[in-house]
Amino acid sequence: MLPEIIIAILVITILAVIGYASFHQKKKSEEIKQSTIELLKQYGEFSHEHKQNLFKINDKTYQILFFYVPTNAELTINSKKIWEVRDASKSNLIDQTHFLKSNQTKIVVVYPTTVKIKRYINENELEFVSYKKPFYEMYVVRHFELIELLKENIL
């Protein structure tokens, strides 16, 4: 009977730790999204229409997309539609066809990672992504770089 109680306590503890970590991650994600929206409202008009976040500044409208990349994981943009998220133990290829389907110019806010984002220019050339330089009709910006993009009036 004692081993069953110990096992039950261990299982409950593990589930509680996993639940807390998941809750904390979701809470942090929501905080970053909300602070990003508040920042955008300071520089232009932000609206949510037809399940899309839209930001209007200098008579141009951008679709705002949020893309989660875990802390200390690397994002590499292999092509417009295939993105790779790599952490210490594994690599995931993500098909972004649905994510990027609209024809509108986009600002993709990558969070909470602080690692530099890379992209392939061709099969064997790689470059670091700069929030100042759009490609594939989008600006890819880490969440803490967004204020610089707005302050420098790049849009």
C-alpha atoms as a PDB file:
ATOM      1  CA  MET A   1       0.000   0.000   0.000  1.00  0.00           C
ATOM      2  CA  LEU A   2       2.845   2.399   0.810  1.00  0.00           C
ATOM      3  CA  PRO A   3       4.450   2.111  -2.672  1.00  0.00           C
ATOM      4  CA  GLU A   4       1.102   2.971  -4.301  1.00  0.00           C
ATOM      5  CA  ILE A   5       0.775   6.092  -2.139  1.00  0.00           C
ATOM      6  CA  ILE A   6       4.326   7.187  -2.998  1.00  0.00           C
ATOM      7  CA  ILE A   7       3.685   6.627  -6.714  1.00  0.00           C
ATOM      8  CA  ALA A   8       0.401   8.557  -6.510  1.00  0.00           C
ATOM      9  CA  ILE A   9       2.135  11.468  -4.741  1.00  0.00           C
ATOM     10  CA  LEU A  10       4.889  11.488  -7.383  1.00  0.00           C
ATOM     11  CA  VAL A  11       2.376  11.472 -10.243  1.00  0.00           C
ATOM     12  CA  ILE A  12       0.363  14.298  -8.666  1.00  0.00           C
ATOM     13  CA  THR A  13       3.553  16.323  -8.080  1.00  0.00           C
ATOM     14  CA  ILE A  14       4.731  15.841 -11.669  1.00  0.00           C
ATOM     15  CA  LEU A  15       1.312  16.821 -13.040  1.00  0.00           C
ATOM     16  CA  ALA A  16       1.245  19.909 -10.806  1.00  0.00           C
ATOM     17  CA  VAL A  17       4.707  21.002 -11.997  1.00  0.00           C
ATOM     18  CA  ILE A  18       3.769  20.482 -15.658  1.00  0.00           C
ATOM     19  CA  GLY A  19       0.480  22.332 -15.150  1.00  0.00           C
ATOM     20  CA  TYR A  20       2.210  25.259 -13.438  1.00  0.00           C
ATOM     21  CA  ALA A  21       4.869  25.496 -16.172  1.00  0.00           C
ATOM     22  CA  SER A  22       2.199  25.451 -18.878  1.00  0.00           C
ATOM     23  CA  PHE A  23       0.131  28.093 -17.066  1.00  0.00           C
ATOM     24  CA  HIS A  24       3.194  30.304 -16.547  1.00  0.00           C
ATOM     25  CA  GLN A  25       4.175  30.014 -20.238  1.00  0.00           C
ATOM     26  CA  LYS A  26       0.659  30.905 -21.388  1.00  0.00           C
ATOM     27  CA  LYS A  27       0.490  33.840 -18.968  1.00  0.00           C
ATOM     28  CA  LYS A  28       3.843  35.192 -20.176  1.00  0.00           C
ATOM     29  CA  SER A  29       2.727  34.822 -23.816  1.00  0.00           C
ATOM     30  CA  GLU A  30      -0.451  36.785 -23.129  1.00  0.00           C
ATOM     31  CA  GLU A  31       1.514  39.507 -21.309  1.00  0.00           C
ATOM     32  CA  ILE A  32       3.888  39.909 -24.267  1.00  0.00           C
ATOM     33  CA  LYS A  33       0.989  40.030 -26.742  1.00  0.00           C
ATOM     34  CA  GLN A  34      -0.891  42.589 -24.651  1.00  0.00           C
ATOM     35  CA  SER A  35       2.160  44.835 -24.153  1.00  0.00           C
ATOM     36  CA  THR A  36       2.855  44.617 -27.903  1.00  0.00           C
ATOM     37  CA  ILE A  37      -0.701  45.700 -28.702  1.00  0.00           C
ATOM     38  CA  GLU A  38      -0.445  48.609 -26.243  1.00  0.00           C
ATOM     39  CA  LEU A  39       2.841  49.684 -27.841  1.00  0.00           C
ATOM     40  CA  LEU A  40       1.311  49.565 -31.322  1.00  0.00           C
ATOM     41  CA  LYS A  41      -1.616  51.703 -30.143  1.00  0.00           C
ATOM     42  CA  GLN A  42       0.863  54.404 -29.085  1.00  0.00           C
ATOM     43  CA  TYR A  43       2.234  54.687 -32.636  1.00  0.00           C
ATOM     44  CA  GLY A  44      -0.832  54.094 -34.782  1.00  0.00           C
ATOM     45  CA  GLU A  45      -4.265  52.499 -34.971  1.00  0.00           C
ATOM     46  CA  PHE A  46      -4.656  48.879 -33.884  1.00  0.00           C
ATOM     47  CA  SER A  47      -7.781  46.864 -34.653  1.00  0.00           C
ATOM     48  CA  HIS A  48      -8.960  43.271 -34.655  1.00  0.00           C
ATOM     49  CA  GLU A  49     -11.095  42.519 -37.735  1.00  0.00           C
ATOM     50  CA  HIS A  50     -12.174  39.172 -39.187  1.00  0.00           C
ATOM     51  CA  LYS A  51      -9.788  37.257 -36.883  1.00  0.00           C
ATOM     52  CA  GLN A  52      -6.860  39.438 -38.001  1.00  0.00           C
ATOM     53  CA  ASN A  53      -4.819  41.940 -36.011  1.00  0.00           C
ATOM     54  CA  LEU A  54      -4.338  45.051 -38.127  1.00  0.00           C
ATOM     55  CA  PHE A  55      -2.047  48.014 -37.492  1.00  0.00           C
ATOM     56  CA  LYS A  56      -2.315  51.253 -39.438  1.00  0.00           C
ATOM     57  CA  ILE A  57       0.563  53.737 -39.461  1.00  0.00           C
ATOM     58  CA  ASN A  58       1.542  56.400 -42.028  1.00  0.00           C
ATOM     59  CA  ASP A  59      -1.452  55.485 -44.245  1.00  0.00           C
ATOM     60  CA  LYS A  60      -0.262  51.866 -44.518  1.00  0.00           C
ATOM     61  CA  THR A  61      -1.953  48.856 -42.963  1.00  0.00           C
ATOM     62  CA  TYR A  62      -0.015  45.834 -41.697  1.00  0.00           C
ATOM     63  CA  GLN A  63      -1.238  42.499 -40.452  1.00  0.00           C
ATOM     64  CA  ILE A  64       0.255  41.718 -37.033  1.00  0.00           C
ATOM     65  CA  LEU A  65       1.128  38.070 -36.442  1.00  0.00           C
ATOM     66  CA  PHE A  66       2.552  36.566 -33.264  1.00  0.00           C
ATOM     67  CA  PHE A  67       4.905  33.600 -33.544  1.00  0.00           C
ATOM     68  CA  TYR A  68       6.000  31.698 -30.429  1.00  0.00           C
ATOM     69  CA  VAL A  69       9.598  30.471 -30.315  1.00  0.00           C
ATOM     70  CA  PRO A  70      10.692  29.087 -26.927  1.00  0.00           C
ATOM     71  CA  THR A  71      13.306  30.971 -24.939  1.00  0.00           C
ATOM     72  CA  ASN A  72      16.821  30.087 -26.150  1.00  0.00           C
ATOM     73  CA  ALA A  73      15.486  28.305 -29.241  1.00  0.00           C
ATOM     74  CA  GLU A  74      16.610  29.329 -32.731  1.00  0.00           C
ATOM     75  CA  LEU A  75      14.330  30.348 -35.568  1.00  0.00           C
ATOM     76  CA  THR A  76      15.590  29.837 -39.111  1.00  0.00           C
ATOM     77  CA  ILE A  77      13.413  30.867 -42.038  1.00  0.00           C
ATOM     78  CA  ASN A  78      14.212  28.329 -44.744  1.00  0.00           C
ATOM     79  CA  SER A  79      11.721  29.783 -47.247  1.00  0.00           C
ATOM     80  CA  LYS A  80       8.579  31.881 -47.125  1.00  0.00           C
ATOM     81  CA  LYS A  81       6.530  28.855 -46.151  1.00  0.00           C
ATOM     82  CA  ILE A  82       8.956  26.626 -44.229  1.00  0.00           C
ATOM     83  CA  TRP A  83      10.344  27.811 -40.898  1.00  0.00           C
ATOM     84  CA  GLU A  84      12.526  25.808 -38.537  1.00  0.00           C
ATOM     85  CA  VAL A  85      12.555  26.065 -34.748  1.00  0.00           C
ATOM     86  CA  ARG A  86      15.565  24.393 -33.188  1.00  0.00           C
ATOM     87  CA  ASP A  87      16.218  23.940 -29.498  1.00  0.00           C
ATOM     88  CA  ALA A  88      18.870  21.973 -27.652  1.00  0.00           C
ATOM     89  CA  SER A  89      17.285  18.581 -28.250  1.00  0.00           C
ATOM     90  CA  LYS A  90      15.304  18.724 -31.489  1.00  0.00           C
ATOM     91  CA  SER A  91      14.411  20.593 -34.642  1.00  0.00           C
ATOM     92  CA  ASN A  92      10.874  21.213 -35.920  1.00  0.00           C
ATOM     93  CA  LEU A  93      10.015  22.228 -39.466  1.00  0.00           C
ATOM     94  CA  ILE A  94       6.843  24.289 -39.544  1.00  0.00           C
ATOM     95  CA  ASP A  95       4.723  24.842 -42.645  1.00  0.00           C
ATOM     96  CA  GLN A  96       3.618  28.490 -42.526  1.00  0.00           C
ATOM     97  CA  THR A  97       1.326  28.388 -45.575  1.00  0.00           C
ATOM     98  CA  HIS A  98      -1.809  29.034 -43.525  1.00  0.00           C
ATOM     99  CA  PHE A  99      -0.079  31.452 -41.127  1.00  0.00           C
ATOM    100  CA  LEU A 100       1.119  33.730 -43.945  1.00  0.00           C
ATOM    101  CA  LYS A 101      -1.744  33.255 -46.421  1.00  0.00           C
ATOM    102  CA  SER A 102      -3.049  36.841 -46.627  1.00  0.00           C
ATOM    103  CA  ASN A 103      -1.575  39.178 -49.242  1.00  0.00           C
ATOM    104  CA  GLN A 104      -1.217  42.029 -46.782  1.00  0.00           C
ATOM    105  CA  THR A 105       2.229  43.187 -45.644  1.00  0.00           C
ATOM    106  CA  LYS A 106       2.930  41.630 -42.264  1.00  0.00           C
ATOM    107  CA  ILE A 107       4.801  42.366 -39.079  1.00  0.00           C
ATOM    108  CA  VAL A 108       5.640  39.030 -37.466  1.00  0.00           C
ATOM    109  CA  VAL A 109       6.406  39.455 -33.763  1.00  0.00           C
ATOM    110  CA  VAL A 110       8.593  36.571 -32.582  1.00  0.00           C
ATOM    111  CA  TYR A 111       8.512  35.948 -28.838  1.00  0.00           C
ATOM    112  CA  PRO A 112       9.925  35.222 -26.190  1.00  0.00           C
ATOM    113  CA  THR A 113      13.228  34.094 -27.720  1.00  0.00           C
ATOM    114  CA  THR A 114      16.154  36.507 -27.700  1.00  0.00           C
ATOM    115  CA  VAL A 115      18.303  34.476 -30.105  1.00  0.00           C
ATOM    116  CA  LYS A 116      19.056  36.135 -33.458  1.00  0.00           C
ATOM    117  CA  ILE A 117      16.773  34.984 -36.247  1.00  0.00           C
ATOM    118  CA  LYS A 118      18.365  33.595 -39.405  1.00  0.00           C
ATOM    119  CA  ARG A 119      17.104  33.056 -42.914  1.00  0.00           C
ATOM    120  CA  TYR A 120      18.346  31.285 -45.996  1.00  0.00           C
ATOM    121  CA  ILE A 121      18.893  33.548 -48.999  1.00  0.00           C
ATOM    122  CA  ASN A 122      19.519  30.546 -51.215  1.00  0.00           C
ATOM    123  CA  GLU A 123      20.560  26.912 -50.706  1.00  0.00           C
ATOM    124  CA  ASN A 124      23.893  27.714 -49.094  1.00  0.00           C
ATOM    125  CA  GLU A 125      23.763  31.356 -47.974  1.00  0.00           C
ATOM    126  CA  LEU A 126      22.456  32.341 -44.583  1.00  0.00           C
ATOM    127  CA  GLU A 127      21.956  35.820 -43.103  1.00  0.00           C
ATOM    128  CA  PHE A 128      20.734  37.268 -39.834  1.00  0.00           C
ATOM    129  CA  VAL A 129      17.290  38.819 -40.048  1.00  0.00           C
ATOM    130  CA  SER A 130      17.104  42.521 -39.279  1.00  0.00           C
ATOM    131  CA  TYR A 131      13.864  44.179 -38.280  1.00  0.00           C
ATOM    132  CA  LYS A 132      14.887  47.045 -40.586  1.00  0.00           C
ATOM    133  CA  LYS A 133      14.927  44.901 -43.715  1.00  0.00           C
ATOM    134  CA  PRO A 134      11.663  43.356 -44.929  1.00  0.00           C
ATOM    135  CA  PHE A 135      11.552  40.197 -47.035  1.00  0.00           C
ATOM    136  CA  TYR A 136       8.680  38.140 -48.472  1.00  0.00           C
ATOM    137  CA  GLU A 137       6.460  41.195 -47.817  1.00  0.00           C
ATOM    138  CA  MET A 138       6.967  40.993 -44.054  1.00  0.00           C
ATOM    139  CA  TYR A 139       9.014  42.420 -41.232  1.00  0.00           C
ATOM    140  CA  VAL A 140      10.184  39.759 -38.797  1.00  0.00           C
ATOM    141  CA  VAL A 141      10.947  41.314 -35.443  1.00  0.00           C
ATOM    142  CA  ARG A 142      11.713  39.922 -31.994  1.00  0.00           C
ATOM    143  CA  HIS A 143       9.243  41.333 -29.480  1.00  0.00           C
ATOM    144  CA  PHE A 144      11.809  43.604 -27.800  1.00  0.00           C
ATOM    145  CA  GLU A 145      12.894  45.088 -31.170  1.00  0.00           C
ATOM    146  CA  LEU A 146       9.411  46.291 -32.087  1.00  0.00           C
ATOM    147  CA  ILE A 147       9.840  49.608 -30.281  1.00  0.00           C
ATOM    148  CA  GLU A 148      12.964  50.343 -32.353  1.00  0.00           C
ATOM    149  CA  LEU A 149      11.088  49.539 -35.564  1.00  0.00           C
ATOM    150  CA  LEU A 150       8.396  52.023 -34.569  1.00  0.00           C
ATOM    151  CA  LYS A 151      10.725  54.723 -33.199  1.00  0.00           C
ATOM    152  CA  GLU A 152      12.945  54.690 -36.268  1.00  0.00           C
ATOM    153  CA  ASN A 153       9.863  55.237 -38.442  1.00  0.00           C
ATOM    154  CA  ILE A 154      10.874  52.402 -40.773  1.00  0.00           C
ATOM    155  CA  LEU A 155       7.310  51.425 -41.630  1.00  0.00           C
END
